[in-house]
Protein backbone atom coordinates (compact mmCIF):
# COMPACT_ATOMS: atom_id res chain seq x y z
CA UNK A 1 62.30 211.63 32.02
CA UNK A 2 60.42 214.03 33.64
CA UNK A 3 62.50 216.43 36.61
CA UNK A 4 60.61 216.50 40.06
CA UNK A 5 62.26 218.16 43.02
CA UNK A 6 65.32 217.51 41.48
CA UNK A 7 64.82 214.02 40.79
CA UNK A 8 64.15 211.80 37.06
CA UNK A 9 60.76 210.45 37.06
CA UNK A 10 60.50 207.43 34.55
CA UNK A 11 57.69 205.59 32.57
CA UNK A 12 58.28 202.01 32.04
CA UNK A 13 60.05 202.39 28.53
CA UNK A 14 62.13 205.31 29.82
CA UNK A 15 63.20 202.86 32.79
CA UNK A 16 64.22 199.95 30.34
CA UNK A 17 66.32 202.27 28.53
CA UNK A 18 68.10 203.31 31.87
CA UNK A 19 67.96 199.70 32.69
CA UNK A 20 70.66 199.29 29.18
CA UNK A 21 73.13 201.89 31.18
CA UNK A 22 73.29 199.89 34.30
CA UNK A 23 74.17 196.88 32.15
CA UNK A 24 77.24 198.26 31.42
CA UNK A 25 80.82 197.38 31.96
CA UNK A 26 81.63 201.18 33.23
CA UNK A 27 78.41 200.72 35.01
CA UNK A 28 79.36 197.40 36.68
CA UNK A 29 82.67 198.40 38.09
CA UNK A 30 81.51 201.42 39.88
CA UNK A 31 79.54 199.25 41.33
CA UNK A 32 82.20 196.62 42.45
CA UNK A 33 84.01 200.27 43.57
CA UNK A 34 81.29 200.97 45.93
CA UNK A 35 80.60 197.28 47.18
CA UNK A 36 84.39 196.85 48.22
CA UNK A 37 83.99 200.53 49.68
CA UNK A 38 80.75 199.13 51.92
CA UNK A 39 82.49 195.69 52.59
CA UNK A 40 78.98 194.05 53.31
CA UNK A 41 79.80 190.82 55.01
CA UNK A 42 77.80 187.36 55.79
CA UNK A 43 74.22 188.09 57.92
CA UNK A 44 74.25 191.80 57.65
CA UNK A 45 70.76 193.84 56.84
CA UNK A 46 71.49 196.26 53.85
CA UNK A 47 69.43 199.23 52.35
CA UNK A 48 70.10 199.97 48.45
CA UNK A 49 68.82 203.55 48.63
CA UNK A 50 67.85 204.51 44.83
CA UNK A 51 68.23 200.94 43.75
CA UNK A 52 66.71 201.30 39.94
CA UNK A 53 66.45 197.89 37.97
CA UNK A 54 68.18 196.05 40.95
CA UNK A 55 71.23 195.13 39.39
CA UNK A 56 72.83 196.72 42.97
CA UNK A 57 70.67 194.76 45.38
CA UNK A 58 71.21 191.30 43.36
CA UNK A 59 74.85 191.88 44.19
CA UNK A 60 74.43 192.76 47.29
CA UNK A 61 72.68 190.16 48.17
CA UNK A 62 75.52 187.98 47.44
CA UNK A 63 78.03 189.49 49.77
CA UNK A 64 75.37 189.39 53.00
CA UNK A 65 74.53 185.63 52.22
CA UNK A 66 71.34 183.70 52.71
CA UNK A 67 71.77 184.85 56.61
CA UNK A 68 71.76 188.53 55.45
CA UNK A 69 69.24 190.90 53.76
CA UNK A 70 68.99 193.27 50.87
CA UNK A 71 66.38 195.84 50.29
CA UNK A 72 66.04 197.78 47.57
CA UNK A 73 64.38 201.36 47.91
CA UNK A 74 63.59 203.45 44.82
CA UNK A 75 60.76 205.81 44.09
CA UNK A 76 60.01 205.06 40.88
CA UNK A 77 57.08 201.81 40.07
CA UNK A 78 58.56 201.35 36.75
CA UNK A 79 62.15 200.97 37.94
CA UNK A 80 60.98 198.94 41.17
CA UNK A 81 59.34 196.83 38.83
CA UNK A 82 62.39 195.65 36.95
CA UNK A 83 64.45 195.43 40.29
CA UNK A 84 61.49 192.92 41.33
CA UNK A 85 61.90 190.81 38.16
CA UNK A 86 65.71 190.76 38.56
CA UNK A 87 65.53 189.77 42.47
CA UNK A 88 62.63 187.27 41.69
CA UNK A 89 65.32 184.08 42.24
CA UNK A 90 67.16 185.97 45.36
CA UNK A 91 65.15 185.19 48.36
CA UNK A 92 67.38 187.39 50.58
CA UNK A 93 66.32 190.56 48.70
CA UNK A 94 62.97 192.54 48.36
CA UNK A 95 62.13 195.92 47.05
CA UNK A 96 60.21 198.62 48.33
CA UNK A 97 58.82 201.88 46.69
CA UNK A 98 59.85 204.68 48.66
CA UNK A 99 61.47 207.77 48.85
CA UNK A 100 65.38 208.77 50.00
CA UNK A 101 63.66 211.50 52.49
CA UNK A 102 61.24 208.87 53.86
CA UNK A 103 62.65 205.15 53.48
CA UNK A 104 59.83 202.36 54.22
CA UNK A 105 62.60 201.03 56.88
CA UNK A 106 62.12 200.62 60.58
CA UNK A 107 64.55 202.83 62.85
CA UNK A 108 68.21 201.33 63.93
CA UNK A 109 66.98 198.45 61.17
CA UNK A 110 69.99 198.27 59.14
CA UNK A 111 73.70 197.38 59.73
CA UNK A 112 74.71 199.43 55.94
CA UNK A 113 73.33 200.92 53.16
CA UNK A 114 74.35 202.24 49.75
CA UNK A 115 73.03 205.49 48.31
CA UNK A 116 74.68 205.97 44.39
CA UNK A 117 74.11 209.03 42.84
CA UNK A 118 70.54 209.75 44.82
CA UNK A 119 72.00 212.85 47.14
CA UNK A 120 72.58 215.36 44.43
CA UNK A 121 69.09 214.84 42.75
CA UNK A 122 67.26 215.04 46.58
CA UNK A 123 66.11 218.91 46.72
CA UNK A 124 67.40 218.51 51.28
CA UNK A 125 69.73 216.36 51.25
CA UNK A 126 70.45 216.96 54.99
CA UNK A 127 67.13 215.65 55.23
CA UNK A 128 67.78 212.37 53.27
CA UNK A 129 70.95 211.79 55.56
CA UNK A 130 68.93 212.40 58.98
CA UNK A 131 66.71 209.45 57.61
CA UNK A 132 69.57 207.42 56.29
CA UNK A 133 70.89 208.02 60.24
CA UNK A 134 67.09 207.33 61.36
CA UNK A 135 67.17 203.24 59.68
CA UNK A 136 71.39 202.55 60.29
CA UNK A 137 72.29 201.58 63.76
CA UNK A 138 74.62 202.70 66.06
CA UNK A 139 78.01 201.60 64.36
CA UNK A 140 76.11 201.24 60.92
CA UNK A 141 78.11 202.61 57.75
CA UNK A 142 77.04 203.75 54.47
CA UNK A 143 78.48 203.81 51.18
CA UNK A 144 77.70 207.05 49.39
CA UNK A 145 78.73 207.95 46.15
CA UNK A 146 78.26 211.28 44.23
CA UNK A 147 79.66 212.61 41.08
CA UNK A 148 80.97 216.39 41.29
CA UNK A 149 79.78 217.56 37.67
CA UNK A 150 82.62 220.74 38.32
CA UNK A 151 84.90 217.61 36.90
CA UNK A 152 82.66 216.58 33.89
CA UNK A 153 85.14 217.32 30.92
CA UNK A 154 84.66 217.04 26.85
CA UNK A 155 87.03 217.53 24.56
CA UNK A 156 86.15 217.43 20.69
CA UNK A 157 84.37 219.49 18.54
CA UNK A 158 83.17 223.29 18.95
CA UNK A 159 84.79 224.73 22.42
CA UNK A 160 81.73 227.28 22.74
CA UNK A 161 79.16 224.62 21.89
CA UNK A 162 80.29 222.46 24.41
CA UNK A 163 80.33 224.82 26.72
CA UNK A 164 76.70 225.77 26.49
CA UNK A 165 75.36 222.17 26.62
CA UNK A 166 77.32 221.29 29.65
CA UNK A 167 75.96 224.48 31.35
CA UNK A 168 72.68 223.49 30.72
CA UNK A 169 73.76 219.65 31.87
CA UNK A 170 74.26 221.26 35.63
CA UNK A 171 70.82 222.13 35.78
CA UNK A 172 69.51 218.31 35.70
CA UNK A 173 70.10 218.16 39.33
CA UNK A 174 69.47 220.03 42.24
CA UNK A 175 73.34 219.86 43.83
CA UNK A 176 75.82 219.19 41.08
CA UNK A 177 78.70 219.73 43.10
CA UNK A 178 77.81 217.92 46.45
CA UNK A 179 80.22 215.02 45.92
CA UNK A 180 82.79 217.96 46.81
CA UNK A 181 80.74 219.09 49.62
CA UNK A 182 79.19 216.17 51.44
CA UNK A 183 81.59 215.94 54.02
CA UNK A 184 79.59 219.04 56.58
CA UNK A 185 76.20 218.36 56.04
CA UNK A 186 77.15 214.43 56.57
CA UNK A 187 78.57 215.40 59.75
CA UNK A 188 75.44 217.44 61.20
CA UNK A 189 73.20 214.60 60.48
CA UNK A 190 75.16 212.03 62.63
CA UNK A 191 77.61 210.42 60.85
CA UNK A 192 81.34 210.50 61.40
CA UNK A 193 83.15 210.47 57.59
CA UNK A 194 85.58 207.23 57.77
CA UNK A 195 87.03 208.06 53.97
CA UNK A 196 86.60 209.95 50.62
CA UNK A 197 87.69 207.60 47.61
CA UNK A 198 87.88 209.28 44.15
CA UNK A 199 86.74 207.37 41.27
CA UNK A 200 87.29 208.66 37.86
CA UNK A 201 86.31 207.55 34.75
CA UNK A 202 88.43 208.83 31.66
CA UNK A 203 86.78 207.31 28.41
CA UNK A 204 87.37 207.66 24.81
CA UNK A 205 85.28 204.84 23.18
CA UNK A 206 82.34 206.05 21.30
CA UNK A 207 80.48 203.07 21.21
CA UNK A 208 76.72 203.17 22.87
CA UNK A 209 77.23 201.28 25.52
CA UNK A 210 80.44 202.92 27.09
CA UNK A 211 80.67 205.25 29.82
CA UNK A 212 81.37 207.92 27.34
CA UNK A 213 78.57 206.87 24.40
CA UNK A 214 76.24 206.71 27.62
CA UNK A 215 76.51 209.97 29.35
CA UNK A 216 77.18 211.71 25.61
CA UNK A 217 73.40 210.34 24.76
CA UNK A 218 71.76 211.30 28.21
CA UNK A 219 73.42 215.18 28.49
CA UNK A 220 72.21 215.65 24.64
CA UNK A 221 68.42 214.35 25.43
CA UNK A 222 68.63 216.49 28.18
CA UNK A 223 69.98 220.00 26.64
CA UNK A 224 67.85 219.15 23.56
CA UNK A 225 64.89 220.17 26.31
CA UNK A 226 66.48 222.68 27.68
CA UNK A 227 66.13 226.62 27.50
CA UNK A 228 69.02 227.27 26.55
CA UNK A 229 69.60 224.89 23.66
CA UNK A 230 67.93 223.62 20.88
CA UNK A 231 67.60 220.22 19.49
CA UNK A 232 69.47 221.50 16.69
CA UNK A 233 72.30 222.55 18.41
CA UNK A 234 72.31 219.17 21.27
CA UNK A 235 72.48 216.82 18.17
CA UNK A 236 75.60 218.44 16.70
CA UNK A 237 77.34 218.73 19.76
CA UNK A 238 76.31 214.78 20.00
CA UNK A 239 77.60 213.99 16.55
CA UNK A 240 81.01 216.34 16.37
CA UNK A 241 82.09 214.64 19.94
CA UNK A 242 80.87 210.95 18.19
CA UNK A 243 83.26 211.95 15.52
CA UNK A 244 86.34 213.33 17.61
CA UNK A 245 86.55 210.59 19.73
CA UNK A 246 86.03 208.15 16.98
CA UNK A 247 89.38 210.02 15.20
CA UNK A 248 90.86 210.32 18.22
CA UNK A 249 90.93 213.62 19.48
CA UNK A 250 87.68 213.44 21.76
CA UNK A 251 87.62 212.62 25.39
CA UNK A 252 85.34 212.53 28.14
CA UNK A 253 86.34 212.06 31.77
CA UNK A 254 84.16 212.54 35.49
CA UNK A 255 85.37 212.16 38.74
CA UNK A 256 82.92 210.89 41.52
CA UNK A 257 83.19 210.31 45.02
CA UNK A 258 82.85 207.58 47.47
CA UNK A 259 82.04 208.30 51.02
CA UNK A 260 82.13 205.86 53.80
CA UNK A 261 80.17 206.56 56.41
CA UNK A 262 79.70 205.04 60.09
CA UNK A 263 77.24 206.63 62.40
CA UNK A 264 78.01 207.84 65.24
CA UNK A 265 76.61 207.17 69.11
CA UNK A 266 74.63 210.16 69.34
CA UNK A 267 71.12 211.19 67.17
């Protein structure tokens, strides 16, 4: 994966590897949490911004029924291809390639939107929020979920090595603490904040498809390419954290926040 303006770009192989993370029970549970916050109803038009390989729009399509429509948007061509395959049997869902700052959606065309783990990767989140406001009708709503990486906790292994690796991980996105700072930018973009609900994952499962196992793998691969961390250090960190978790002394935790935003009458 390469970083481009605070985002990740995927080739086809990397997109398929990322798809595996979307299959995990933890990812499915977070999607359920966001979906329940948004509460999509029959007949609505919903936009899934940063839809990835299509799991979220597929689930939203069920919620809005045959009279509704779901549009999944992603900037990655390989992700869009995976999403189109996944949605092939859903006549009320489609995929469009686009960016969060330039959505391929008409003004006032959507009743609701989901934006999950996207805004912290956008160089200027205010631009993306303004674009989200543009496509939502007055009274429309958006469930915006962001992790706050200041809440990322990893226990086990050498504390200094963990500190070095986690410090490098903060560079993986443009705005690592936006999860606890979104209210002001959202209100400036023309939204009212109806609720902010925390979502904490605490995991001591070392298996590869667990939350802890998946996240440790992502962090390791990013850190290995970081100027402040070598591959040797990153691999050693991964091994000792896995050993600590397997031995009952390790822990991984992270808190994200789901903002339920509603458009106000003004533009």
